[in-house]
Amino acid sequence: MPSFFSLKPLNGLRISTIIALGFSVAACGAIGATKSSSSESVSSLPSGAITSVVVRNVGGAACREAPVTFGQPFRRGDLPDGETIVGYLGHRALPTQINIKARNPDGSVRHGIITMLIPCQDLNGRARISLTKKKQSRTPVNGALSIQELLRTRFNASLSLNIAGNYWSIEARPLLEEALARGGCNKAGVLCRPWLKGALASEWVVGGPLRSDKGIPNPHLAAYFAVRAYGPPPIRRVRVDVIVENDWAYQPDPHNYHYDATIDIGRKSVFTINQLTHYRDARWHKVFWWGSRDTLYVALNSDYLQASGAVPQYEKVRPSERLLSRVLQKCPPMKSCNVTPHMGNTGAQADIGPLPRWSSVYVEDPNSYRAFRWMLANADALGSYDIHLREKATGEPVSVERHPCLTTIGPAQLRRCPVPPHANDTLPPCKNDCKSPFVPDESHHPAPAYVAYLVTGDWYYMEELEFWADWVEFWQNPAYRGYRKGLIHRTQVRGQAWALRTLGDAAYILPDDSPLKTWFNQVVENNIRWYNHHYTDNPGANRLHILTGYHAIIYPSHGHPRTGIATWQQSFFDWALGNLVDQGFAGAKRLRNWFAKFQVGLMTSPEFCWELASAYELRVRNTRKSPLYKSLAEVYSKTFPRLKGVSCQSGPINAALRKTRPHHRFFYPPNSMVGYPRSPTGFPANFQIGLAESVDSGLPGSRKAWLIFSRRASQPNYGNSPQFAVIPRNLDGAKNHK
């Protein structure tokens, strides 16, 4: 892989140029082929085109025409209020439907779910479709597919469980009939949720408890059917996502279930699994088709996806064909697959980073169908962890807003809870058969199903993101989080980083009509306000521009406990602040800029050798009760006392380090950074994500800091592990693209 220095011309592209880039369609590669050049001239996009996608037939069967549905994030202002999207195959306008899920404060579309009708015979294997904005008609377009039209077909989906010889089942069709009889999905209570509406695709989520042969509801197990009917009428194609859950929060005696499961679509059995242990507070799902099957795959434009601000900006790398040929393509129910079973394990994990390994590989190469399926498989794996809590009364994930004293780390603190209502905040105890092999941990949890929802628009992944964002709050002590305030500063620095990431992602991308979105936005604002009050706007804040407190200065240095900080954890936190800036949260830019001074200073200060900026820990005070040091010079001299007078970027400093710590992690080649400099998950790689966001602050010395960092001699190959391959959005120090 070329170094950052050799990639300088590409990294230096302005964002206005980057977003105009798209996929080349000159060649028709095999499914999951490595990424080809994504460059195309601005003039190759039709007038009004925002971006493009590549559509490929991956089903193997010939088709005359077929629908595709996918999620698409938009850069702020690209799709203003009053305009809609039309897909173009060359100069041919395709039937296109967009269901707008989230808007920016200026009214422009942030995220939408697009359905298009594609002429398969014209693809020649694959074709680029331009997404072009058009003025929206003032005349309402009628003809959205209805439940009544769906029920005119013979569609049905059913789930049956055999639990110790007792049978429990649920069917989609009776639930749809019930919703229709009540006057429509919006009037059907918790059993029905509308998701998509249009002439090309309408989707409804129906569900409830499984019932015995005598109609008795199961006390814990429920199932939901996300039923997506495709038009135009008459309906001949239905996609159904069957979701099975054991997660009602306040149901007495929660426990694991052991069963055999069968799913039927129409009159045909399409899935069976035997002797499955369904862990409490966990869920799983499977997608099936009635009628014609899915044949098409939509690859989003990687450059535009990154330029939208919805995901980080990455260095251009290419996942290898060998990697893509070996990655898993599906994850069975109640398995962790590539997700770390015990997330709190020490050491590098593929889960850890702004995005986990599989999601970052997908963002780098959306054209790879195998990368896409790998990403979805591990998003599915997250359903196996016991973090899911659904409120039976509302049908929604449990929220701290309604239950301010609830916590998953112990009993609810009812006596001290000052915020009513709190009488039912205590979760019922699990008495027997409660163990799970999968243990979540806030300080190590991956970005939960965020990219999966972003690019598919699937209801299942949207809710998975909601569940995990809720869990981030329930992991906290209620008093520490300020009950409904949702503060997350009383945990490890890396825990604060990934909590801000998950909460920010949920607040940013959840549908505007989600009952939890307003509250998640308030929680993010509360945290930004808290940090700004204690750091940015605090005249007495530390001069090093680092996080402080009991959970920040936790490392021993030179035999003194709690005198050192982890530079890599501070970098995680700095990246998370920059992510909030990219997502447009008020106050985040001031906060990021205050903390950015630390990493920029480590790379540019004449009083600190930049080769040691990525050290595992840095000493920041003499003893646990001593005041913090006031300069990087003091940090350097106290952390590396034997290097006094040894010049940086020279043979002597490398020799001195080898002599003082011959078997330590500080062994490294000249003009490099300490801490496994060639590893894509080493400490320089960890340092990179925070530095990239610090550079985007435009602070004095920020560009110099990146040039020094990018020209270091020993660098990792990020090709197959790009989770830390984040680069600045603007190397010129100008304002962010938002």
Foldseek 3Di string as FASTA:
>chain_A
DDFLVVCVVVLFDALVQLQLWAQDPPDQDDFQDWHDDRGDDNVVADPQFRYKKKKFFAQPDADQKDKDKKKDFAAAPSAAPQKDKWKDQRPRTWDKDWDQFDHDPRRGGGMIMMMTIGRRVPQPGMGMITIGIDGDDPDDDDQKDFLVLVLVDLKKKKKWKQFPNWIWMDMDNVQSVQQVVQPHQVRNALQKDWQDIDQAKTWMKGKDFTATPVGHGDQFKMKIWTWMFGDNPPTQKIKIKIKIARAAFARAARAKTFIWMWMDIRNRTDDIDHGDIQAHQFMFIDMDMGGDDDGMDMQGGLSRRCQSLLAFAFDQFMADPVLLVPADQAADPLAQRQNDQAQPDDDDGQQDFLAGLLLVNCSNPSSRPSSLSSVVRNLRSLRNDNQFHAHNNRNATDALQQALQAAPVDFGPVVPDPDPPHPRRGGHDHDPNNDGSHHDDLLRGHQRLLVVCNIHVDPVSLRRLVSVLRNLQRNDRSVVCVRLLRANLPAALSSNLSNLSSLLSNLQDGGPPPPCNVSSLSNNVSHLVVLCVQFVPDPPHAQLLFDDDDNAQAPDAPNAGSQKGFLLSRLSNLLSLLSSVSSPRPNSLSSSQSNLCNLLCCQDPQLHAVLASLPRIWGQADHNPGDGDRDVNVRRCRRCVVCVPPDHQDPVVQVSVCVVCVPDQQNDDGQHHGFPAADCRTSLLSNQSSLQSSLLSLPVSSLVSVVSSSPGDHHYNCNSRRSSSGHHSHSVSDHRPD
